[in-house]
């Protein structure tokens, strides 16, 4: 049944997630990748696995950042919530683009773990 022309309802504000401007996120896969990177291991992952996980985590962060920015853009500027989202976005962007601090297997493994923690935290925030 169509609404009456006399009914004055404000138009529905469409968000990026509603109109599909951003592809959906697979937060389960993102969390699984992060868990694989920092999960309770008895051994250090091999160099190939560290390289693969690091690349996957960077990609996950890059996929989540536009979603986080869309969420931040919906919050009034100057509010604490907006500043918190922007800080989260800045941290995620920095993590996704930063190289490891040092050379070597241990540094690469630590860097991978840092990416995993950032990805997991951002996924949790986006899931709220």
N, C-alpha and C. Protein backbone atom coordinates (compact mmCIF):
# COMPACT_ATOMS: atom_id res chain seq x y z
N UNK A 1 0.85 -1.17 0.00
CA UNK A 1 0.00 0.00 0.00
C UNK A 1 0.90 1.24 0.00
N UNK A 2 0.70 2.13 -0.91
CA UNK A 2 1.52 3.34 -1.04
C UNK A 2 1.11 4.36 -0.01
N UNK A 3 2.07 5.11 0.55
CA UNK A 3 1.73 6.14 1.53
C UNK A 3 0.93 7.25 0.87
N UNK A 4 0.11 7.87 1.66
CA UNK A 4 -0.73 8.97 1.19
C UNK A 4 0.14 10.15 0.80
N UNK A 5 -0.20 10.86 -0.30
CA UNK A 5 0.61 12.02 -0.70
C UNK A 5 0.62 13.11 0.36
N UNK A 6 -0.37 13.10 1.25
CA UNK A 6 -0.42 14.12 2.30
C UNK A 6 0.52 13.81 3.45
N UNK A 7 1.00 12.59 3.52
CA UNK A 7 1.92 12.20 4.60
C UNK A 7 3.28 12.81 4.30
N UNK A 8 3.77 13.57 5.23
CA UNK A 8 5.07 14.20 5.01
C UNK A 8 6.12 13.52 5.88
N UNK A 9 6.67 12.46 5.34
CA UNK A 9 7.75 11.77 6.03
C UNK A 9 9.06 12.24 5.43
N UNK A 10 10.05 12.42 6.29
CA UNK A 10 11.36 12.82 5.73
C UNK A 10 11.90 11.69 4.86
N UNK A 11 12.60 12.05 3.81
CA UNK A 11 13.15 11.00 2.94
C UNK A 11 14.18 10.16 3.69
N UNK A 12 14.22 8.91 3.35
CA UNK A 12 15.17 7.99 3.97
C UNK A 12 16.58 8.35 3.54
N UNK A 13 17.47 8.53 4.51
CA UNK A 13 18.86 8.80 4.18
C UNK A 13 19.56 7.48 3.94
N UNK A 14 20.05 7.30 2.74
CA UNK A 14 20.73 6.06 2.39
C UNK A 14 22.19 6.15 2.76
N UNK A 15 22.68 5.14 3.43
CA UNK A 15 24.09 5.08 3.80
C UNK A 15 24.82 4.24 2.76
N UNK A 16 26.14 4.36 2.68
CA UNK A 16 26.88 3.56 1.70
C UNK A 16 26.60 2.07 1.80
N UNK A 17 26.43 1.56 3.00
CA UNK A 17 26.18 0.13 3.14
C UNK A 17 24.81 -0.25 2.58
N UNK A 18 23.84 0.66 2.62
CA UNK A 18 22.50 0.36 2.13
C UNK A 18 22.45 0.33 0.60
N UNK A 19 23.20 1.19 -0.04
CA UNK A 19 23.13 1.27 -1.50
C UNK A 19 24.26 0.50 -2.17
N UNK A 20 25.10 -0.13 -1.41
CA UNK A 20 26.12 -0.98 -1.97
C UNK A 20 27.30 -0.26 -2.58
N UNK A 21 27.60 0.94 -2.12
CA UNK A 21 28.76 1.65 -2.64
C UNK A 21 30.06 0.99 -2.20
N UNK A 22 30.01 0.29 -1.10
CA UNK A 22 31.18 -0.42 -0.60
C UNK A 22 30.87 -1.92 -0.62
N UNK A 23 31.82 -2.72 -1.03
CA UNK A 23 31.57 -4.16 -1.00
C UNK A 23 31.46 -4.64 0.44
N UNK A 24 30.67 -5.68 0.69
CA UNK A 24 30.55 -6.18 2.06
C UNK A 24 31.87 -6.74 2.56
N UNK A 25 32.05 -6.66 3.86
CA UNK A 25 33.27 -7.19 4.48
C UNK A 25 33.02 -8.60 4.99
N UNK A 26 34.02 -9.44 4.88
CA UNK A 26 33.97 -10.78 5.45
C UNK A 26 34.75 -10.74 6.76
N UNK A 27 34.09 -10.29 7.81
CA UNK A 27 34.76 -10.12 9.10
C UNK A 27 35.20 -11.46 9.69
N UNK A 28 34.52 -12.54 9.35
CA UNK A 28 34.92 -13.86 9.85
C UNK A 28 36.29 -14.22 9.29
N UNK A 29 36.48 -14.01 7.99
CA UNK A 29 37.77 -14.31 7.37
C UNK A 29 38.86 -13.39 7.90
N UNK A 30 38.54 -12.13 8.08
CA UNK A 30 39.52 -11.18 8.62
C UNK A 30 39.96 -11.61 10.01
N UNK A 31 39.01 -11.96 10.85
CA UNK A 31 39.36 -12.41 12.20
C UNK A 31 40.14 -13.72 12.17
N UNK A 32 39.78 -14.61 11.27
CA UNK A 32 40.49 -15.89 11.17
C UNK A 32 41.94 -15.68 10.74
N UNK A 33 42.15 -14.75 9.82
CA UNK A 33 43.52 -14.45 9.38
C UNK A 33 44.31 -13.85 10.53
N UNK A 34 43.70 -12.93 11.28
CA UNK A 34 44.38 -12.33 12.42
C UNK A 34 44.69 -13.39 13.48
N UNK A 35 43.75 -14.27 13.72
CA UNK A 35 43.97 -15.34 14.70
C UNK A 35 45.10 -16.27 14.26
N UNK A 36 45.13 -16.56 12.98
CA UNK A 36 46.21 -17.41 12.45
C UNK A 36 47.56 -16.75 12.64
N UNK A 37 47.59 -15.42 12.54
CA UNK A 37 48.85 -14.69 12.67
C UNK A 37 49.32 -14.59 14.11
N UNK A 38 48.40 -14.43 15.05
CA UNK A 38 48.81 -14.21 16.44
C UNK A 38 48.28 -15.28 17.40
N UNK A 39 47.62 -16.29 16.85
CA UNK A 39 47.08 -17.35 17.70
C UNK A 39 48.17 -18.05 18.48
N UNK A 40 47.76 -18.77 19.50
CA UNK A 40 48.71 -19.48 20.34
C UNK A 40 49.47 -20.54 19.56
N UNK A 41 50.67 -20.22 19.17
CA UNK A 41 51.52 -21.14 18.41
C UNK A 41 52.63 -21.65 19.31
N UNK A 42 53.07 -22.84 19.01
CA UNK A 42 54.23 -23.37 19.72
C UNK A 42 55.51 -23.10 18.95
N UNK A 43 55.36 -22.81 17.65
CA UNK A 43 56.53 -22.53 16.82
C UNK A 43 56.32 -21.22 16.07
N UNK A 44 57.40 -20.62 15.65
CA UNK A 44 57.35 -19.39 14.85
C UNK A 44 56.97 -19.79 13.43
N UNK A 45 56.04 -19.04 12.80
CA UNK A 45 55.69 -19.40 11.42
C UNK A 45 56.88 -19.22 10.48
N UNK A 46 56.88 -20.00 9.42
CA UNK A 46 57.96 -19.91 8.43
C UNK A 46 57.90 -18.61 7.66
N UNK A 47 59.00 -18.26 6.98
CA UNK A 47 59.06 -16.99 6.25
C UNK A 47 57.97 -16.85 5.19
N UNK A 48 57.65 -17.92 4.49
CA UNK A 48 56.61 -17.86 3.45
C UNK A 48 55.25 -17.56 4.08
N UNK A 49 54.94 -18.20 5.20
CA UNK A 49 53.67 -17.97 5.88
C UNK A 49 53.59 -16.54 6.40
N UNK A 50 54.68 -16.04 6.95
CA UNK A 50 54.71 -14.65 7.44
C UNK A 50 54.45 -13.69 6.29
N UNK A 51 55.07 -13.93 5.16
CA UNK A 51 54.88 -13.07 3.98
C UNK A 51 53.42 -13.11 3.52
N UNK A 52 52.85 -14.29 3.44
CA UNK A 52 51.47 -14.44 2.99
C UNK A 52 50.48 -13.80 3.96
N UNK A 53 50.67 -14.05 5.26
CA UNK A 53 49.77 -13.47 6.26
C UNK A 53 49.89 -11.95 6.30
N UNK A 54 51.11 -11.44 6.18
CA UNK A 54 51.31 -10.00 6.17
C UNK A 54 50.58 -9.37 5.00
N UNK A 55 50.70 -9.96 3.83
CA UNK A 55 50.01 -9.43 2.64
C UNK A 55 48.49 -9.49 2.82
N UNK A 56 48.00 -10.60 3.36
CA UNK A 56 46.55 -10.74 3.56
C UNK A 56 46.04 -9.72 4.58
N UNK A 57 46.80 -9.51 5.65
CA UNK A 57 46.38 -8.56 6.68
C UNK A 57 46.39 -7.13 6.16
N UNK A 58 47.39 -6.79 5.36
CA UNK A 58 47.40 -5.46 4.73
C UNK A 58 46.16 -5.27 3.86
N UNK A 59 45.84 -6.29 3.08
CA UNK A 59 44.67 -6.21 2.21
C UNK A 59 43.39 -6.07 3.03
N UNK A 60 43.29 -6.83 4.11
CA UNK A 60 42.11 -6.73 4.98
C UNK A 60 41.98 -5.32 5.55
N UNK A 61 43.08 -4.75 6.02
CA UNK A 61 43.03 -3.39 6.55
C UNK A 61 42.59 -2.41 5.47
N UNK A 62 43.14 -2.54 4.28
CA UNK A 62 42.77 -1.64 3.19
C UNK A 62 41.30 -1.78 2.81
N UNK A 63 40.73 -2.97 2.94
CA UNK A 63 39.32 -3.18 2.67
C UNK A 63 38.44 -2.56 3.76
N UNK A 64 38.91 -2.62 5.00
CA UNK A 64 38.10 -2.11 6.11
C UNK A 64 38.13 -0.59 6.24
N UNK A 65 39.21 0.04 5.81
CA UNK A 65 39.35 1.49 6.01
C UNK A 65 38.23 2.31 5.38
N UNK A 66 37.78 2.04 4.15
CA UNK A 66 36.66 2.82 3.62
C UNK A 66 35.38 2.64 4.43
N UNK A 67 35.16 1.45 4.97
CA UNK A 67 33.99 1.21 5.81
C UNK A 67 34.09 2.02 7.10
N UNK A 68 35.28 2.04 7.67
CA UNK A 68 35.48 2.83 8.89
C UNK A 68 35.29 4.31 8.60
N UNK A 69 35.79 4.78 7.46
CA UNK A 69 35.63 6.20 7.11
C UNK A 69 34.16 6.53 6.89
N UNK A 70 33.41 5.63 6.26
CA UNK A 70 31.98 5.84 6.07
C UNK A 70 31.27 5.92 7.41
N UNK A 71 31.68 5.09 8.35
CA UNK A 71 31.09 5.13 9.69
C UNK A 71 31.43 6.45 10.38
N UNK A 72 32.67 6.88 10.27
CA UNK A 72 33.09 8.14 10.89
C UNK A 72 32.36 9.32 10.28
N UNK A 73 32.16 9.29 8.98
CA UNK A 73 31.50 10.39 8.29
C UNK A 73 30.05 10.58 8.73
N UNK A 74 29.45 9.55 9.32
CA UNK A 74 28.07 9.64 9.79
C UNK A 74 27.97 10.27 11.17
N UNK A 75 29.10 10.50 11.80
CA UNK A 75 29.13 11.05 13.16
C UNK A 75 29.44 12.54 13.06
N UNK A 76 28.79 13.32 13.90
CA UNK A 76 28.98 14.78 13.88
C UNK A 76 30.44 15.14 14.11
N UNK A 77 30.99 16.04 13.28
CA UNK A 77 32.37 16.49 13.47
C UNK A 77 32.56 17.14 14.84
N UNK A 78 33.76 16.97 15.38
CA UNK A 78 34.10 17.59 16.66
C UNK A 78 33.67 16.79 17.87
N UNK A 79 32.97 15.68 17.67
CA UNK A 79 32.55 14.87 18.81
C UNK A 79 33.64 13.86 19.17
N UNK A 80 33.58 13.39 20.38
CA UNK A 80 34.56 12.40 20.84
C UNK A 80 34.48 11.14 19.99
N UNK A 81 33.28 10.70 19.68
CA UNK A 81 33.12 9.48 18.88
C UNK A 81 33.77 9.65 17.51
N UNK A 82 33.60 10.80 16.90
CA UNK A 82 34.19 11.04 15.57
C UNK A 82 35.72 11.03 15.67
N UNK A 83 36.25 11.66 16.71
CA UNK A 83 37.70 11.69 16.90
C UNK A 83 38.25 10.29 17.14
N UNK A 84 37.51 9.47 17.88
CA UNK A 84 37.95 8.10 18.13
C UNK A 84 37.99 7.29 16.84
N UNK A 85 36.96 7.42 16.01
CA UNK A 85 36.95 6.72 14.73
C UNK A 85 38.09 7.19 13.85
N UNK A 86 38.33 8.50 13.84
CA UNK A 86 39.39 9.02 12.99
C UNK A 86 40.76 8.53 13.45
N UNK A 87 40.96 8.44 14.76
CA UNK A 87 42.21 7.90 15.29
C UNK A 87 42.37 6.43 14.90
N UNK A 88 41.28 5.69 14.97
CA UNK A 88 41.30 4.29 14.58
C UNK A 88 41.66 4.14 13.10
N UNK A 89 41.09 5.00 12.26
CA UNK A 89 41.37 4.98 10.83
C UNK A 89 42.84 5.32 10.58
N UNK A 90 43.32 6.34 11.25
CA UNK A 90 44.73 6.74 11.08
C UNK A 90 45.69 5.62 11.49
N UNK A 91 45.38 4.94 12.60
CA UNK A 91 46.22 3.82 13.04
C UNK A 91 46.20 2.68 12.03
N UNK A 92 45.01 2.37 11.51
CA UNK A 92 44.88 1.30 10.53
C UNK A 92 45.63 1.62 9.24
N UNK A 93 45.51 2.87 8.80
CA UNK A 93 46.20 3.29 7.58
C UNK A 93 47.72 3.24 7.77
N UNK A 94 48.17 3.71 8.91
CA UNK A 94 49.62 3.68 9.20
C UNK A 94 50.13 2.24 9.26
N UNK A 95 49.38 1.37 9.89
CA UNK A 95 49.79 -0.03 9.98
C UNK A 95 49.84 -0.69 8.61
N UNK A 96 48.85 -0.37 7.77
CA UNK A 96 48.77 -1.01 6.45
C UNK A 96 49.90 -0.58 5.53
N UNK A 97 50.45 0.60 5.75
CA UNK A 97 51.47 1.12 4.83
C UNK A 97 52.88 1.08 5.40
N UNK A 98 53.01 0.84 6.69
CA UNK A 98 54.34 0.88 7.32
C UNK A 98 55.13 -0.40 7.04
N UNK A 99 56.41 -0.25 6.74
CA UNK A 99 57.27 -1.44 6.60
C UNK A 99 57.69 -1.91 8.01
N UNK A 100 58.22 -3.12 8.11
CA UNK A 100 58.75 -3.55 9.41
C UNK A 100 59.85 -2.60 9.89
N UNK A 101 59.98 -2.48 11.20
CA UNK A 101 60.99 -1.58 11.77
C UNK A 101 62.41 -2.00 11.42
N UNK A 102 62.63 -3.30 11.34
CA UNK A 102 63.98 -3.83 11.07
C UNK A 102 63.90 -4.95 10.06
N UNK A 103 65.05 -5.38 9.62
CA UNK A 103 65.14 -6.51 8.69
C UNK A 103 65.23 -7.81 9.49
N UNK A 104 64.84 -8.89 8.87
CA UNK A 104 65.00 -10.20 9.50
C UNK A 104 63.67 -10.86 9.80
N UNK A 105 63.78 -12.14 10.07
CA UNK A 105 62.58 -12.96 10.30
C UNK A 105 61.82 -12.53 11.55
N UNK A 106 62.53 -12.24 12.62
CA UNK A 106 61.86 -11.85 13.86
C UNK A 106 61.10 -10.54 13.68
N UNK A 107 61.72 -9.58 13.01
CA UNK A 107 61.07 -8.29 12.78
C UNK A 107 59.83 -8.47 11.90
N UNK A 108 59.92 -9.32 10.89
CA UNK A 108 58.78 -9.56 10.01
C UNK A 108 57.63 -10.22 10.78
N UNK A 109 57.98 -11.12 11.70
CA UNK A 109 56.96 -11.79 12.49
C UNK A 109 56.28 -10.82 13.45
N UNK A 110 57.05 -9.95 14.07
CA UNK A 110 56.48 -8.93 14.97
C UNK A 110 55.58 -7.99 14.18
N UNK A 111 56.03 -7.58 13.00
CA UNK A 111 55.23 -6.69 12.16
C UNK A 111 53.91 -7.35 11.77
N UNK A 112 53.96 -8.62 11.42
CA UNK A 112 52.75 -9.37 11.08
C UNK A 112 51.78 -9.38 12.26
N UNK A 113 52.30 -9.59 13.46
CA UNK A 113 51.46 -9.62 14.66
C UNK A 113 50.82 -8.25 14.91
N UNK A 114 51.57 -7.18 14.66
CA UNK A 114 51.01 -5.82 14.83
C UNK A 114 49.87 -5.58 13.84
N UNK A 115 50.07 -6.02 12.60
CA UNK A 115 49.00 -5.89 11.60
C UNK A 115 47.77 -6.70 12.02
N UNK A 116 48.00 -7.89 12.56
CA UNK A 116 46.89 -8.74 12.98
C UNK A 116 46.10 -8.08 14.10
N UNK A 117 46.78 -7.48 15.06
CA UNK A 117 46.08 -6.82 16.16
C UNK A 117 45.27 -5.61 15.67
N UNK A 118 45.84 -4.84 14.76
CA UNK A 118 45.11 -3.69 14.20
C UNK A 118 43.89 -4.17 13.42
N UNK A 119 44.07 -5.21 12.62
CA UNK A 119 42.96 -5.73 11.81
C UNK A 119 41.85 -6.28 12.71
N UNK A 120 42.23 -7.00 13.73
CA UNK A 120 41.22 -7.57 14.64
C UNK A 120 40.47 -6.47 15.38
N UNK A 121 41.18 -5.46 15.84
CA UNK A 121 40.53 -4.37 16.57
C UNK A 121 39.58 -3.59 15.65
N UNK A 122 40.02 -3.29 14.44
CA UNK A 122 39.18 -2.57 13.50
C UNK A 122 37.95 -3.40 13.13
N UNK A 123 38.13 -4.71 12.93
CA UNK A 123 36.99 -5.59 12.63
C UNK A 123 35.99 -5.58 13.78
N UNK A 124 36.49 -5.63 15.01
CA UNK A 124 35.60 -5.59 16.17
C UNK A 124 34.82 -4.29 16.23
N UNK A 125 35.48 -3.18 15.95
CA UNK A 125 34.80 -1.87 15.97
C UNK A 125 33.75 -1.79 14.87
N UNK A 126 34.06 -2.30 13.70
CA UNK A 126 33.10 -2.26 12.60
C UNK A 126 31.92 -3.19 12.84
N UNK A 127 32.11 -4.18 13.68
CA UNK A 127 31.05 -5.17 13.96
C UNK A 127 30.10 -4.71 15.05
N UNK A 128 30.40 -3.61 15.69
CA UNK A 128 29.53 -3.12 16.79
C UNK A 128 28.28 -2.49 16.24
